[in-house]
Amino acid sequence: MSQHDIGYKYEAYTIEWEDLSYRKYTPDFVLDNGVIIETKGMFDADDRRKHLEVKKQHPELDIRFVFSNAKGKLYKGSKTCYSKWCEDNGFQWAHRVIPQSWLLETGTPITDNVKLKTQRRDKL
């Protein structure tokens, strides 16, 4: 990314989310245009569940995946690969390299940690 003079921050912000308890997720990269890049080798069930919950609780965030192997299967014997899961769940994805178009998009920068929009359940 630096060869294109595109600004980014590595693991600079946290995003609060909840399932059965309060949690924080630290994205791998946040581009200056607000695009969140999550790089993945393995994409296990816990990660997939987390990203679905984060997307549901923060639909304004633009989270995208870059896989080391976008054709990797969700689990042994699965007919669904990582890229298909992304498409089915409304996430953009790329294979191995961040597309230059993602770097050049305009967007809204993230300037601080992302807070829950509802009251924490563990504080009720």
C-alpha atoms as a PDB file:
ATOM      1  CA  MET A   1       0.000   0.000   0.000  1.00  0.00           C
ATOM      2  CA  SER A   2       2.838   2.396   0.717  1.00  0.00           C
ATOM      3  CA  GLN A   3       4.096   2.103  -2.869  1.00  0.00           C
ATOM      4  CA  HIS A   4       0.850   3.801  -3.951  1.00  0.00           C
ATOM      5  CA  ASP A   5       1.141   6.640  -1.395  1.00  0.00           C
ATOM      6  CA  ILE A   6      -2.074   5.499   0.276  1.00  0.00           C
ATOM      7  CA  GLY A   7      -2.407   6.105   3.979  1.00  0.00           C
ATOM      8  CA  TYR A   8      -3.462   3.341   6.314  1.00  0.00           C
ATOM      9  CA  LYS A   9      -3.277   2.359   9.947  1.00  0.00           C
ATOM     10  CA  TYR A  10      -2.443  -1.133  11.190  1.00  0.00           C
ATOM     11  CA  GLU A  11      -4.536  -2.412  14.123  1.00  0.00           C
ATOM     12  CA  ALA A  12      -5.103   1.197  15.228  1.00  0.00           C
ATOM     13  CA  TYR A  13      -8.779   1.072  16.198  1.00  0.00           C
ATOM     14  CA  THR A  14     -11.166  -1.249  17.971  1.00  0.00           C
ATOM     15  CA  ILE A  15     -14.793  -1.987  17.155  1.00  0.00           C
ATOM     16  CA  GLU A  16     -17.071  -2.908  20.036  1.00  0.00           C
ATOM     17  CA  TRP A  17     -19.604  -5.698  19.493  1.00  0.00           C
ATOM     18  CA  GLU A  18     -21.640  -8.141  21.530  1.00  0.00           C
ATOM     19  CA  ASP A  19     -22.832 -11.682  21.322  1.00  0.00           C
ATOM     20  CA  LEU A  20     -23.276 -13.383  24.673  1.00  0.00           C
ATOM     21  CA  SER A  21     -20.759 -10.940  26.155  1.00  0.00           C
ATOM     22  CA  TYR A  22     -19.148  -7.593  25.374  1.00  0.00           C
ATOM     23  CA  ARG A  23     -16.214  -7.837  22.957  1.00  0.00           C
ATOM     24  CA  LYS A  24     -13.784  -5.748  20.953  1.00  0.00           C
ATOM     25  CA  TYR A  25     -12.540  -6.515  17.466  1.00  0.00           C
ATOM     26  CA  THR A  26      -9.329  -4.988  16.127  1.00  0.00           C
ATOM     27  CA  PRO A  27      -9.326  -4.840  12.309  1.00  0.00           C
ATOM     28  CA  ASP A  28      -6.040  -5.599  10.578  1.00  0.00           C
ATOM     29  CA  PHE A  29      -5.935  -2.427   8.475  1.00  0.00           C
ATOM     30  CA  VAL A  30      -8.064   0.702   8.259  1.00  0.00           C
ATOM     31  CA  LEU A  31      -7.408   2.707   5.106  1.00  0.00           C
ATOM     32  CA  ASP A  32      -7.578   6.493   5.276  1.00  0.00           C
ATOM     33  CA  ASN A  33     -10.740   6.285   3.140  1.00  0.00           C
ATOM     34  CA  GLY A  34     -12.505   4.271   5.881  1.00  0.00           C
ATOM     35  CA  VAL A  35     -12.272   0.873   4.177  1.00  0.00           C
ATOM     36  CA  ILE A  36     -11.489  -1.847   6.727  1.00  0.00           C
ATOM     37  CA  ILE A  37      -9.260  -4.626   5.405  1.00  0.00           C
ATOM     38  CA  GLU A  38      -9.230  -7.987   7.155  1.00  0.00           C
ATOM     39  CA  THR A  39      -6.496 -10.333   5.935  1.00  0.00           C
ATOM     40  CA  LYS A  40      -7.167 -14.045   6.350  1.00  0.00           C
ATOM     41  CA  GLY A  41      -5.378 -17.320   5.892  1.00  0.00           C
ATOM     42  CA  MET A  42      -7.825 -19.522   7.797  1.00  0.00           C
ATOM     43  CA  PHE A  43     -11.405 -18.259   8.073  1.00  0.00           C
ATOM     44  CA  ASP A  44     -12.960 -20.375  10.798  1.00  0.00           C
ATOM     45  CA  ALA A  45     -16.531 -20.501  12.101  1.00  0.00           C
ATOM     46  CA  ASP A  46     -15.819 -18.162  15.055  1.00  0.00           C
ATOM     47  CA  ASP A  47     -14.378 -15.533  12.708  1.00  0.00           C
ATOM     48  CA  ARG A  48     -17.323 -15.812  10.338  1.00  0.00           C
ATOM     49  CA  ARG A  49     -19.822 -15.477  13.203  1.00  0.00           C
ATOM     50  CA  LYS A  50     -17.935 -12.467  14.574  1.00  0.00           C
ATOM     51  CA  HIS A  51     -17.976 -10.660  11.236  1.00  0.00           C
ATOM     52  CA  LEU A  52     -21.689 -11.304  10.728  1.00  0.00           C
ATOM     53  CA  GLU A  53     -22.416  -9.847  14.189  1.00  0.00           C
ATOM     54  CA  VAL A  54     -20.138  -6.839  13.647  1.00  0.00           C
ATOM     55  CA  LYS A  55     -21.830  -6.160  10.291  1.00  0.00           C
ATOM     56  CA  LYS A  56     -25.284  -6.437  11.886  1.00  0.00           C
ATOM     57  CA  GLN A  57     -24.340  -4.111  14.754  1.00  0.00           C
ATOM     58  CA  HIS A  58     -22.333  -1.657  12.600  1.00  0.00           C
ATOM     59  CA  PRO A  59     -23.832  -1.701   9.076  1.00  0.00           C
ATOM     60  CA  GLU A  60     -22.135   1.630   8.285  1.00  0.00           C
ATOM     61  CA  LEU A  61     -18.675  -0.003   8.335  1.00  0.00           C
ATOM     62  CA  ASP A  62     -17.094  -1.141   5.082  1.00  0.00           C
ATOM     63  CA  ILE A  63     -15.305  -4.371   6.031  1.00  0.00           C
ATOM     64  CA  ARG A  64     -13.555  -6.260   3.228  1.00  0.00           C
ATOM     65  CA  PHE A  65     -11.499  -9.431   3.154  1.00  0.00           C
ATOM     66  CA  VAL A  66      -8.234 -10.319   1.460  1.00  0.00           C
ATOM     67  CA  PHE A  67      -7.651 -14.073   1.540  1.00  0.00           C
ATOM     68  CA  SER A  68      -4.382 -15.900   1.001  1.00  0.00           C
ATOM     69  CA  ASN A  69      -6.575 -18.460  -0.806  1.00  0.00           C
ATOM     70  CA  ALA A  70     -10.059 -17.189  -1.669  1.00  0.00           C
ATOM     71  CA  LYS A  71     -10.970 -20.680  -2.917  1.00  0.00           C
ATOM     72  CA  GLY A  72     -10.296 -22.214   0.507  1.00  0.00           C
ATOM     73  CA  LYS A  73     -13.231 -24.254   1.818  1.00  0.00           C
ATOM     74  CA  LEU A  74     -15.113 -23.236   4.962  1.00  0.00           C
ATOM     75  CA  TYR A  75     -14.411 -26.660   6.452  1.00  0.00           C
ATOM     76  CA  LYS A  76     -13.299 -30.074   5.269  1.00  0.00           C
ATOM     77  CA  GLY A  77     -15.862 -31.416   2.815  1.00  0.00           C
ATOM     78  CA  SER A  78     -17.616 -28.058   2.395  1.00  0.00           C
ATOM     79  CA  LYS A  79     -18.831 -27.036  -1.041  1.00  0.00           C
ATOM     80  CA  THR A  80     -18.634 -23.362  -0.056  1.00  0.00           C
ATOM     81  CA  CYS A  81     -15.383 -21.422  -0.338  1.00  0.00           C
ATOM     82  CA  TYR A  82     -14.389 -18.213   1.472  1.00  0.00           C
ATOM     83  CA  SER A  83     -15.188 -15.990  -1.517  1.00  0.00           C
ATOM     84  CA  LYS A  84     -18.687 -17.482  -1.898  1.00  0.00           C
ATOM     85  CA  TRP A  85     -19.378 -16.953   1.821  1.00  0.00           C
ATOM     86  CA  CYS A  86     -18.401 -13.274   1.389  1.00  0.00           C
ATOM     87  CA  GLU A  87     -20.662 -12.861  -1.633  1.00  0.00           C
ATOM     88  CA  ASP A  88     -23.573 -14.565   0.158  1.00  0.00           C
ATOM     89  CA  ASN A  89     -23.137 -12.265   3.170  1.00  0.00           C
ATOM     90  CA  GLY A  90     -22.528  -8.952   1.407  1.00  0.00           C
ATOM     91  CA  PHE A  91     -18.771  -8.580   1.946  1.00  0.00           C
ATOM     92  CA  GLN A  92     -16.314  -7.582  -0.751  1.00  0.00           C
ATOM     93  CA  TRP A  93     -13.277  -9.839  -1.057  1.00  0.00           C
ATOM     94  CA  ALA A  94     -10.011 -10.202  -2.930  1.00  0.00           C
ATOM     95  CA  HIS A  95      -7.489 -12.966  -3.524  1.00  0.00           C
ATOM     96  CA  ARG A  96      -4.004 -12.290  -2.079  1.00  0.00           C
ATOM     97  CA  VAL A  97      -3.682  -8.599  -3.001  1.00  0.00           C
ATOM     98  CA  ILE A  98      -5.670  -5.503  -2.054  1.00  0.00           C
ATOM     99  CA  PRO A  99      -7.147  -4.190  -5.328  1.00  0.00           C
ATOM    100  CA  GLN A 100      -5.890  -0.749  -6.267  1.00  0.00           C
ATOM    101  CA  SER A 101      -9.511   0.363  -6.757  1.00  0.00           C
ATOM    102  CA  TRP A 102     -10.093  -0.149  -3.006  1.00  0.00           C
ATOM    103  CA  LEU A 103      -7.145   2.117  -2.247  1.00  0.00           C
ATOM    104  CA  LEU A 104      -8.386   4.877  -4.538  1.00  0.00           C
ATOM    105  CA  GLU A 105     -12.037   4.969  -3.425  1.00  0.00           C
ATOM    106  CA  THR A 106     -13.308   7.978  -1.569  1.00  0.00           C
ATOM    107  CA  GLY A 107     -14.995   7.392   1.722  1.00  0.00           C
ATOM    108  CA  THR A 108     -15.397   8.503   5.296  1.00  0.00           C
ATOM    109  CA  PRO A 109     -12.275   8.095   7.428  1.00  0.00           C
ATOM    110  CA  ILE A 110     -12.490   6.311  10.759  1.00  0.00           C
ATOM    111  CA  THR A 111     -10.928   8.608  13.338  1.00  0.00           C
ATOM    112  CA  ASP A 112     -11.666   6.839  16.607  1.00  0.00           C
ATOM    113  CA  ASN A 113     -12.691   3.527  18.132  1.00  0.00           C
ATOM    114  CA  VAL A 114     -16.198   2.397  17.158  1.00  0.00           C
ATOM    115  CA  LYS A 115     -18.550   2.170  20.135  1.00  0.00           C
ATOM    116  CA  LEU A 116     -21.641   0.033  20.625  1.00  0.00           C
ATOM    117  CA  LYS A 117     -24.846   1.804  19.649  1.00  0.00           C
ATOM    118  CA  THR A 118     -26.831   0.106  22.403  1.00  0.00           C
ATOM    119  CA  GLN A 119     -26.243  -0.257  26.102  1.00  0.00           C
ATOM    120  CA  ARG A 120     -23.901  -3.099  26.975  1.00  0.00           C
ATOM    121  CA  ARG A 121     -25.844  -6.139  28.130  1.00  0.00           C
ATOM    122  CA  ASP A 122     -23.314  -6.899  30.845  1.00  0.00           C
ATOM    123  CA  LYS A 123     -23.977  -3.438  32.363  1.00  0.00           C
ATOM    124  CA  LEU A 124     -27.769  -3.828  32.554  1.00  0.00           C
END
